[in-house]
PDB file of all heavy atoms in Angstrom:
ATOM      1  N   LEU A   1    -187.058 -64.271 -65.892  1.00  0.00           N
ATOM      2  CA  LEU A   1    -188.482 -64.268 -66.212  1.00  0.00           C
ATOM      3  C   LEU A   1    -188.678 -64.231 -67.724  1.00  0.00           C
ATOM      4  O   LEU A   1    -188.108 -63.370 -68.407  1.00  0.00           O
ATOM      5  CB  LEU A   1    -189.146 -63.055 -65.564  1.00  0.00           C
ATOM      6  CG  LEU A   1    -190.671 -63.010 -65.555  1.00  0.00           C
ATOM      7  CD1 LEU A   1    -191.218 -64.153 -64.712  1.00  0.00           C
ATOM      8  CD2 LEU A   1    -191.155 -61.674 -65.014  1.00  0.00           C
ATOM      9  N   PRO A   2    -189.431 -65.178 -68.291  1.00  0.00           N
ATOM     10  CA  PRO A   2    -189.658 -65.145 -69.740  1.00  0.00           C
ATOM     11  C   PRO A   2    -190.461 -63.923 -70.151  1.00  0.00           C
ATOM     12  O   PRO A   2    -191.259 -63.400 -69.369  1.00  0.00           O
ATOM     13  CB  PRO A   2    -190.424 -66.445 -70.009  1.00  0.00           C
ATOM     14  CG  PRO A   2    -191.084 -66.776 -68.710  1.00  0.00           C
ATOM     15  CD  PRO A   2    -190.146 -66.297 -67.639  1.00  0.00           C
ATOM     16  N   ASP A   3    -190.242 -63.477 -71.383  1.00  0.00           N
ATOM     17  CA  ASP A   3    -190.927 -62.297 -71.892  1.00  0.00           C
ATOM     18  C   ASP A   3    -192.301 -62.723 -72.417  1.00  0.00           C
ATOM     19  O   ASP A   3    -192.409 -63.350 -73.476  1.00  0.00           O
ATOM     20  CB  ASP A   3    -190.104 -61.643 -73.005  1.00  0.00           C
ATOM     21  CG  ASP A   3    -190.498 -60.187 -73.209  1.00  0.00           C
ATOM     22  OD1 ASP A   3    -191.399 -59.716 -72.497  1.00  0.00           O
ATOM     23  OD2 ASP A   3    -189.903 -59.534 -74.085  1.00  0.00           O
ATOM     24  N   THR A   4    -193.358 -62.409 -71.674  1.00  0.00           N
ATOM     25  CA  THR A   4    -194.714 -62.823 -72.029  1.00  0.00           C
ATOM     26  C   THR A   4    -195.639 -61.604 -72.018  1.00  0.00           C
ATOM     27  O   THR A   4    -195.336 -60.577 -71.400  1.00  0.00           O
ATOM     28  CB  THR A   4    -195.259 -63.870 -71.044  1.00  0.00           C
ATOM     29  OG1 THR A   4    -195.342 -63.289 -69.733  1.00  0.00           O
ATOM     30  CG2 THR A   4    -194.355 -65.098 -71.005  1.00  0.00           C
ATOM     31  N   LEU A   5    -196.756 -61.753 -72.691  1.00  0.00           N
ATOM     32  CA  LEU A   5    -197.752 -60.684 -72.737  1.00  0.00           C
ATOM     33  C   LEU A   5    -199.143 -61.303 -72.712  1.00  0.00           C
ATOM     34  O   LEU A   5    -199.453 -62.190 -73.518  1.00  0.00           O
ATOM     35  CB  LEU A   5    -197.575 -59.851 -74.012  1.00  0.00           C
ATOM     36  CG  LEU A   5    -198.594 -58.729 -74.235  1.00  0.00           C
ATOM     37  CD1 LEU A   5    -198.460 -57.660 -73.156  1.00  0.00           C
ATOM     38  CD2 LEU A   5    -198.427 -58.120 -75.616  1.00  0.00           C
ATOM     39  N   CYS A   6    -199.983 -60.858 -71.794  1.00  0.00           N
ATOM     40  CA  CYS A   6    -201.381 -61.300 -71.703  1.00  0.00           C
ATOM     41  C   CYS A   6    -202.281 -60.140 -72.107  1.00  0.00           C
ATOM     42  O   CYS A   6    -202.158 -59.036 -71.561  1.00  0.00           O
ATOM     43  CB  CYS A   6    -201.726 -61.743 -70.278  1.00  0.00           C
ATOM     44  SG  CYS A   6    -200.811 -63.185 -69.693  1.00  0.00           S
ATOM     45  N   LEU A   7    -203.191 -60.405 -73.044  1.00  0.00           N
ATOM     46  CA  LEU A   7    -204.116 -59.382 -73.525  1.00  0.00           C
ATOM     47  C   LEU A   7    -205.544 -59.852 -73.286  1.00  0.00           C
ATOM     48  O   LEU A   7    -205.975 -60.850 -73.867  1.00  0.00           O
ATOM     49  CB  LEU A   7    -203.899 -59.123 -75.019  1.00  0.00           C
ATOM     50  CG  LEU A   7    -202.583 -58.449 -75.406  1.00  0.00           C
ATOM     51  CD1 LEU A   7    -202.360 -58.557 -76.901  1.00  0.00           C
ATOM     52  CD2 LEU A   7    -202.585 -56.996 -74.986  1.00  0.00           C
ATOM     53  N   PRO A   8    -206.298 -59.184 -72.426  1.00  0.00           N
ATOM     54  CA  PRO A   8    -207.689 -59.597 -72.202  1.00  0.00           C
ATOM     55  C   PRO A   8    -208.538 -59.327 -73.432  1.00  0.00           C
ATOM     56  O   PRO A   8    -208.344 -58.335 -74.141  1.00  0.00           O
ATOM     57  CB  PRO A   8    -208.129 -58.732 -71.018  1.00  0.00           C
ATOM     58  CG  PRO A   8    -207.251 -57.518 -71.086  1.00  0.00           C
ATOM     59  CD  PRO A   8    -205.938 -57.989 -71.637  1.00  0.00           C
ATOM     60  N   LEU A   9    -209.481 -60.220 -73.697  1.00  0.00           N
ATOM     61  CA  LEU A   9    -210.422 -60.058 -74.802  1.00  0.00           C
ATOM     62  C   LEU A   9    -211.719 -59.513 -74.210  1.00  0.00           C
ATOM     63  O   LEU A   9    -212.432 -60.225 -73.510  1.00  0.00           O
ATOM     64  CB  LEU A   9    -210.656 -61.393 -75.509  1.00  0.00           C
ATOM     65  CG  LEU A   9    -209.396 -62.067 -76.075  1.00  0.00           C
ATOM     66  CD1 LEU A   9    -209.748 -63.411 -76.698  1.00  0.00           C
ATOM     67  CD2 LEU A   9    -208.696 -61.176 -77.076  1.00  0.00           C
ATOM     68  N   ILE A  10    -211.984 -58.256 -74.483  1.00  0.00           N
ATOM     69  CA  ILE A  10    -213.117 -57.562 -73.868  1.00  0.00           C
ATOM     70  C   ILE A  10    -213.970 -56.936 -74.960  1.00  0.00           C
ATOM     71  O   ILE A  10    -213.445 -56.350 -75.912  1.00  0.00           O
ATOM     72  CB  ILE A  10    -212.630 -56.480 -72.884  1.00  0.00           C
ATOM     73  CG1 ILE A  10    -211.791 -57.115 -71.773  1.00  0.00           C
ATOM     74  CG2 ILE A  10    -213.796 -55.707 -72.292  1.00  0.00           C
ATOM     75  CD1 ILE A  10    -211.158 -56.103 -70.843  1.00  0.00           C
ATOM     76  N   ALA A  11    -215.270 -57.076 -74.843  1.00  0.00           N
ATOM     77  CA  ALA A  11    -216.207 -56.416 -75.751  1.00  0.00           C
ATOM     78  C   ALA A  11    -217.459 -56.069 -74.967  1.00  0.00           C
ATOM     79  O   ALA A  11    -217.934 -56.879 -74.159  1.00  0.00           O
ATOM     80  CB  ALA A  11    -216.555 -57.315 -76.932  1.00  0.00           C
ATOM     81  N   GLN A  12    -217.974 -54.877 -75.200  1.00  0.00           N
ATOM     82  CA  GLN A  12    -219.166 -54.408 -74.486  1.00  0.00           C
ATOM     83  C   GLN A  12    -218.970 -54.515 -72.975  1.00  0.00           C
ATOM     84  O   GLN A  12    -219.877 -54.926 -72.244  1.00  0.00           O
ATOM     85  CB  GLN A  12    -220.394 -55.217 -74.917  1.00  0.00           C
ATOM     86  CG  GLN A  12    -220.655 -55.240 -76.403  1.00  0.00           C
ATOM     87  CD  GLN A  12    -220.989 -53.872 -76.965  1.00  0.00           C
ATOM     88  OE1 GLN A  12    -221.588 -53.065 -76.282  1.00  0.00           O
ATOM     89  NE2 GLN A  12    -220.598 -53.615 -78.204  1.00  0.00           N
ATOM     90  N   ARG A  13    -217.746 -54.157 -72.530  1.00  0.00           N
ATOM     91  CA  ARG A  13    -217.381 -54.174 -71.103  1.00  0.00           C
ATOM     92  C   ARG A  13    -217.540 -55.559 -70.472  1.00  0.00           C
ATOM     93  O   ARG A  13    -217.703 -55.697 -69.256  1.00  0.00           O
ATOM     94  CB  ARG A  13    -218.222 -53.148 -70.327  1.00  0.00           C
ATOM     95  CG  ARG A  13    -217.889 -51.720 -70.696  1.00  0.00           C
ATOM     96  CD  ARG A  13    -218.761 -50.726 -69.961  1.00  0.00           C
ATOM     97  NE  ARG A  13    -220.159 -50.832 -70.368  1.00  0.00           N
ATOM     98  CZ  ARG A  13    -221.126 -50.056 -69.900  1.00  0.00           C
ATOM     99  NH1 ARG A  13    -220.857 -49.139 -68.993  1.00  0.00           N
ATOM    100  NH2 ARG A  13    -222.368 -50.201 -70.329  1.00  0.00           N
ATOM    101  N   GLN A  14    -217.463 -56.581 -71.280  1.00  0.00           N
ATOM    102  CA  GLN A  14    -217.583 -57.959 -70.793  1.00  0.00           C
ATOM    103  C   GLN A  14    -216.333 -58.737 -71.177  1.00  0.00           C
ATOM    104  O   GLN A  14    -215.926 -58.739 -72.342  1.00  0.00           O
ATOM    105  CB  GLN A  14    -218.818 -58.626 -71.385  1.00  0.00           C
ATOM    106  CG  GLN A  14    -219.030 -60.056 -70.917  1.00  0.00           C
ATOM    107  CD  GLN A  14    -220.222 -60.706 -71.578  1.00  0.00           C
ATOM    108  OE1 GLN A  14    -220.820 -60.146 -72.501  1.00  0.00           O
ATOM    109  NE2 GLN A  14    -220.587 -61.891 -71.115  1.00  0.00           N
ATOM    110  N   THR A  15    -215.711 -59.384 -70.202  1.00  0.00           N
ATOM    111  CA  THR A  15    -214.523 -60.196 -70.469  1.00  0.00           C
ATOM    112  C   THR A  15    -214.936 -61.523 -71.091  1.00  0.00           C
ATOM    113  O   THR A  15    -215.763 -62.249 -70.535  1.00  0.00           O
ATOM    114  CB  THR A  15    -213.732 -60.449 -69.175  1.00  0.00           C
ATOM    115  OG1 THR A  15    -213.327 -59.191 -68.620  1.00  0.00           O
ATOM    116  CG2 THR A  15    -212.498 -61.284 -69.459  1.00  0.00           C
ATOM    117  N   LEU A  16    -214.347 -61.825 -72.255  1.00  0.00           N
ATOM    118  CA  LEU A  16    -214.722 -63.024 -73.004  1.00  0.00           C
ATOM    119  C   LEU A  16    -213.605 -64.054 -73.063  1.00  0.00           C
ATOM    120  O   LEU A  16    -213.871 -65.232 -73.320  1.00  0.00           O
ATOM    121  CB  LEU A  16    -215.124 -62.640 -74.432  1.00  0.00           C
ATOM    122  CG  LEU A  16    -216.287 -61.661 -74.551  1.00  0.00           C
ATOM    123  CD1 LEU A  16    -216.418 -61.181 -75.982  1.00  0.00           C
ATOM    124  CD2 LEU A  16    -217.572 -62.309 -74.076  1.00  0.00           C
ATOM    125  N   GLY A  17    -212.364 -63.620 -72.846  1.00  0.00           N
ATOM    126  CA  GLY A  17    -211.262 -64.568 -72.947  1.00  0.00           C
ATOM    127  C   GLY A  17    -209.938 -63.856 -72.816  1.00  0.00           C
ATOM    128  O   GLY A  17    -209.833 -62.750 -72.256  1.00  0.00           O
ATOM    129  N   LEU A  18    -208.899 -64.486 -73.343  1.00  0.00           N
ATOM    130  CA  LEU A  18    -207.538 -63.966 -73.217  1.00  0.00           C
ATOM    131  C   LEU A  18    -206.723 -64.461 -74.405  1.00  0.00           C
ATOM    132  O   LEU A  18    -206.885 -65.608 -74.841  1.00  0.00           O
ATOM    133  CB  LEU A  18    -206.913 -64.469 -71.913  1.00  0.00           C
ATOM    134  CG  LEU A  18    -205.467 -64.057 -71.635  1.00  0.00           C
ATOM    135  CD1 LEU A  18    -205.441 -62.634 -71.081  1.00  0.00           C
ATOM    136  CD2 LEU A  18    -204.809 -65.016 -70.645  1.00  0.00           C
ATOM    137  N   ILE A  19    -205.850 -63.583 -74.922  1.00  0.00           N
ATOM    138  CA  ILE A  19    -204.879 -64.031 -75.903  1.00  0.00           C
ATOM    139  C   ILE A  19    -203.499 -63.837 -75.281  1.00  0.00           C
ATOM    140  O   ILE A  19    -203.197 -62.767 -74.731  1.00  0.00           O
ATOM    141  CB  ILE A  19    -205.031 -63.285 -77.254  1.00  0.00           C
ATOM    142  CG1 ILE A  19    -204.095 -63.901 -78.303  1.00  0.00           C
ATOM    143  CG2 ILE A  19    -204.821 -61.800 -77.123  1.00  0.00           C
ATOM    144  CD1 ILE A  19    -204.407 -63.463 -79.723  1.00  0.00           C
ATOM    145  N   TYR A  20    -202.701 -64.898 -75.311  1.00  0.00           N
ATOM    146  CA  TYR A  20    -201.419 -64.937 -74.611  1.00  0.00           C
ATOM    147  C   TYR A  20    -200.295 -65.078 -75.629  1.00  0.00           C
ATOM    148  O   TYR A  20    -200.403 -65.850 -76.591  1.00  0.00           O
ATOM    149  CB  TYR A  20    -201.404 -66.120 -73.633  1.00  0.00           C
ATOM    150  CG  TYR A  20    -200.032 -66.529 -73.156  1.00  0.00           C
ATOM    151  CD1 TYR A  20    -199.424 -65.865 -72.101  1.00  0.00           C
ATOM    152  CD2 TYR A  20    -199.352 -67.572 -73.766  1.00  0.00           C
ATOM    153  CE1 TYR A  20    -198.165 -66.243 -71.656  1.00  0.00           C
ATOM    154  CE2 TYR A  20    -198.094 -67.960 -73.330  1.00  0.00           C
ATOM    155  CZ  TYR A  20    -197.501 -67.298 -72.282  1.00  0.00           C
ATOM    156  OH  TYR A  20    -196.266 -67.669 -71.846  1.00  0.00           O
ATOM    157  N   PHE A  21    -199.203 -64.313 -75.426  1.00  0.00           N
ATOM    158  CA  PHE A  21    -198.040 -64.384 -76.304  1.00  0.00           C
ATOM    159  C   PHE A  21    -196.786 -64.561 -75.467  1.00  0.00           C
ATOM    160  O   PHE A  21    -196.693 -64.071 -74.333  1.00  0.00           O
ATOM    161  CB  PHE A  21    -197.888 -63.096 -77.128  1.00  0.00           C
ATOM    162  CG  PHE A  21    -198.940 -62.907 -78.180  1.00  0.00           C
ATOM    163  CD1 PHE A  21    -200.064 -62.143 -77.918  1.00  0.00           C
ATOM    164  CD2 PHE A  21    -198.799 -63.489 -79.434  1.00  0.00           C
ATOM    165  CE1 PHE A  21    -201.031 -61.964 -78.879  1.00  0.00           C
ATOM    166  CE2 PHE A  21    -199.766 -63.310 -80.402  1.00  0.00           C
ATOM    167  CZ  PHE A  21    -200.886 -62.552 -80.131  1.00  0.00           C
ATOM    168  N   GLU A  22    -195.812 -65.248 -76.063  1.00  0.00           N
ATOM    169  CA  GLU A  22    -194.491 -65.320 -75.449  1.00  0.00           C
ATOM    170  C   GLU A  22    -193.438 -65.264 -76.552  1.00  0.00           C
ATOM    171  O   GLU A  22    -193.619 -65.785 -77.655  1.00  0.00           O
ATOM    172  CB  GLU A  22    -194.322 -66.595 -74.626  1.00  0.00           C
ATOM    173  CG  GLU A  22    -194.412 -67.883 -75.408  1.00  0.00           C
ATOM    174  CD  GLU A  22    -194.336 -69.114 -74.508  1.00  0.00           C
ATOM    175  OE1 GLU A  22    -195.004 -69.136 -73.452  1.00  0.00           O
ATOM    176  OE2 GLU A  22    -193.613 -70.057 -74.879  1.00  0.00           O
ATOM    177  N   SER A  23    -192.323 -64.575 -76.248  1.00  0.00           N
ATOM    178  CA  SER A  23    -191.250 -64.430 -77.226  1.00  0.00           C
ATOM    179  C   SER A  23    -190.468 -65.732 -77.342  1.00  0.00           C
ATOM    180  O   SER A  23    -190.206 -66.402 -76.340  1.00  0.00           O
ATOM    181  CB  SER A  23    -190.314 -63.295 -76.804  1.00  0.00           C
ATOM    182  OG  SER A  23    -189.196 -63.230 -77.662  1.00  0.00           O
ATOM    183  N   ARG A  24    -190.113 -66.094 -78.569  1.00  0.00           N
ATOM    184  CA  ARG A  24    -189.326 -67.319 -78.786  1.00  0.00           C
ATOM    185  C   ARG A  24    -187.832 -67.074 -78.623  1.00  0.00           C
ATOM    186  O   ARG A  24    -187.050 -68.020 -78.624  1.00  0.00           O
ATOM    187  CB  ARG A  24    -189.597 -67.874 -80.189  1.00  0.00           C
ATOM    188  CG  ARG A  24    -191.049 -68.193 -80.471  1.00  0.00           C
ATOM    189  CD  ARG A  24    -191.604 -69.196 -79.475  1.00  0.00           C
ATOM    190  NE  ARG A  24    -190.879 -70.443 -79.502  1.00  0.00           N
ATOM    191  CZ  ARG A  24    -191.156 -71.461 -80.322  1.00  0.00           C
ATOM    192  NH1 ARG A  24    -192.175 -71.365 -81.148  1.00  0.00           N
ATOM    193  NH2 ARG A  24    -190.460 -72.564 -80.291  1.00  0.00           N
ATOM    194  N   LYS A  25    -187.419 -65.813 -78.533  1.00  0.00           N
ATOM    195  CA  LYS A  25    -186.000 -65.484 -78.403  1.00  0.00           C
ATOM    196  C   LYS A  25    -185.688 -65.076 -76.967  1.00  0.00           C
ATOM    197  O   LYS A  25    -186.569 -64.965 -76.128  1.00  0.00           O
ATOM    198  CB  LYS A  25    -185.641 -64.356 -79.367  1.00  0.00           C
ATOM    199  CG  LYS A  25    -185.818 -64.728 -80.828  1.00  0.00           C
ATOM    200  CD  LYS A  25    -185.405 -63.597 -81.743  1.00  0.00           C
ATOM    201  CE  LYS A  25    -185.579 -63.993 -83.203  1.00  0.00           C
ATOM    202  NZ  LYS A  25    -185.185 -62.897 -84.127  1.00  0.00           N
ATOM    203  N   ALA A  26    -184.380 -64.842 -76.723  1.00  0.00           N
ATOM    204  CA  ALA A  26    -183.968 -64.439 -75.378  1.00  0.00           C
ATOM    205  C   ALA A  26    -184.564 -63.078 -75.045  1.00  0.00           C
ATOM    206  O   ALA A  26    -184.879 -62.272 -75.920  1.00  0.00           O
ATOM    207  CB  ALA A  26    -182.446 -64.388 -75.294  1.00  0.00           C
ATOM    208  N   ARG A  27    -184.699 -62.855 -73.758  1.00  0.00           N
ATOM    209  CA  ARG A  27    -185.312 -61.614 -73.299  1.00  0.00           C
ATOM    210  C   ARG A  27    -184.541 -60.411 -73.830  1.00  0.00           C
ATOM    211  O   ARG A  27    -183.322 -60.339 -73.727  1.00  0.00           O
ATOM    212  CB  ARG A  27    -185.332 -61.613 -71.769  1.00  0.00           C
ATOM    213  CG  ARG A  27    -185.959 -60.382 -71.163  1.00  0.00           C
ATOM    214  CD  ARG A  27    -186.058 -60.562 -69.665  1.00  0.00           C
ATOM    215  NE  ARG A  27    -186.437 -59.333 -68.982  1.00  0.00           N
ATOM    216  CZ  ARG A  27    -186.580 -59.224 -67.679  1.00  0.00           C
ATOM    217  NH1 ARG A  27    -186.388 -60.296 -66.908  1.00  0.00           N
ATOM    218  NH2 ARG A  27    -186.930 -58.087 -67.124  1.00  0.00           N
ATOM    219  N   GLY A  28    -185.261 -59.470 -74.401  1.00  0.00           N
ATOM    220  CA  GLY A  28    -184.657 -58.263 -74.943  1.00  0.00           C
ATOM    221  C   GLY A  28    -184.286 -58.343 -76.404  1.00  0.00           C
ATOM    222  O   GLY A  28    -183.966 -57.322 -77.012  1.00  0.00           O
ATOM    223  N   GLU A  29    -184.303 -59.551 -77.000  1.00  0.00           N
ATOM    224  CA  GLU A  29    -183.904 -59.700 -78.398  1.00  0.00           C
ATOM    225  C   GLU A  29    -185.082 -59.563 -79.363  1.00  0.00           C
ATOM    226  O   GLU A  29    -184.881 -59.501 -80.570  1.00  0.00           O
ATOM    227  CB  GLU A  29    -183.230 -61.065 -78.619  1.00  0.00           C
ATOM    228  CG  GLU A  29    -181.897 -61.214 -77.909  1.00  0.00           C
ATOM    229  CD  GLU A  29    -181.232 -62.542 -78.219  1.00  0.00           C
ATOM    230  OE1 GLU A  29    -181.772 -63.275 -79.079  1.00  0.00           O
ATOM    231  OE2 GLU A  29    -180.190 -62.847 -77.621  1.00  0.00           O
ATOM    232  N   GLN A  30    -186.274 -59.539 -78.866  1.00  0.00           N
ATOM    233  CA  GLN A  30    -187.455 -59.485 -79.730  1.00  0.00           C
ATOM    234  C   GLN A  30    -188.495 -58.565 -79.085  1.00  0.00           C
ATOM    235  O   GLN A  30    -188.849 -58.729 -77.930  1.00  0.00           O
ATOM    236  CB  GLN A  30    -188.039 -60.888 -79.927  1.00  0.00           C
ATOM    237  CG  GLN A  30    -189.052 -60.999 -81.034  1.00  0.00           C
ATOM    238  CD  GLN A  30    -189.473 -62.450 -81.246  1.00  0.00           C
ATOM    239  OE1 GLN A  30    -189.363 -63.273 -80.347  1.00  0.00           O
ATOM    240  NE2 GLN A  30    -189.950 -62.753 -82.428  1.00  0.00           N
ATOM    241  N   ARG A  31    -188.929 -57.580 -79.827  1.00  0.00           N
ATOM    242  CA  ARG A  31    -189.878 -56.602 -79.307  1.00  0.00           C
ATOM    243  C   ARG A  31    -191.301 -56.999 -79.683  1.00  0.00           C
ATOM    244  O   ARG A  31    -191.566 -57.426 -80.808  1.00  0.00           O
ATOM    245  CB  ARG A  31    -189.572 -55.213 -79.864  1.00  0.00           C
ATOM    246  CG  ARG A  31    -188.249 -54.642 -79.377  1.00  0.00           C
ATOM    247  CD  ARG A  31    -188.028 -53.266 -79.968  1.00  0.00           C
ATOM    248  NE  ARG A  31    -189.075 -52.338 -79.588  1.00  0.00           N
ATOM    249  CZ  ARG A  31    -189.090 -51.642 -78.464  1.00  0.00           C
ATOM    250  NH1 ARG A  31    -188.096 -51.781 -77.594  1.00  0.00           N
ATOM    251  NH2 ARG A  31    -190.079 -50.807 -78.183  1.00  0.00           N
TER     252      ARG A  31
END
């Protein structure tokens, strides 16, 4: 499984979007 992170974009208790990240290195090599 690739190392990914999803962060919801929320303001005033309203969901507006998402910012998504994924590591370019092998799993465990990048924090």
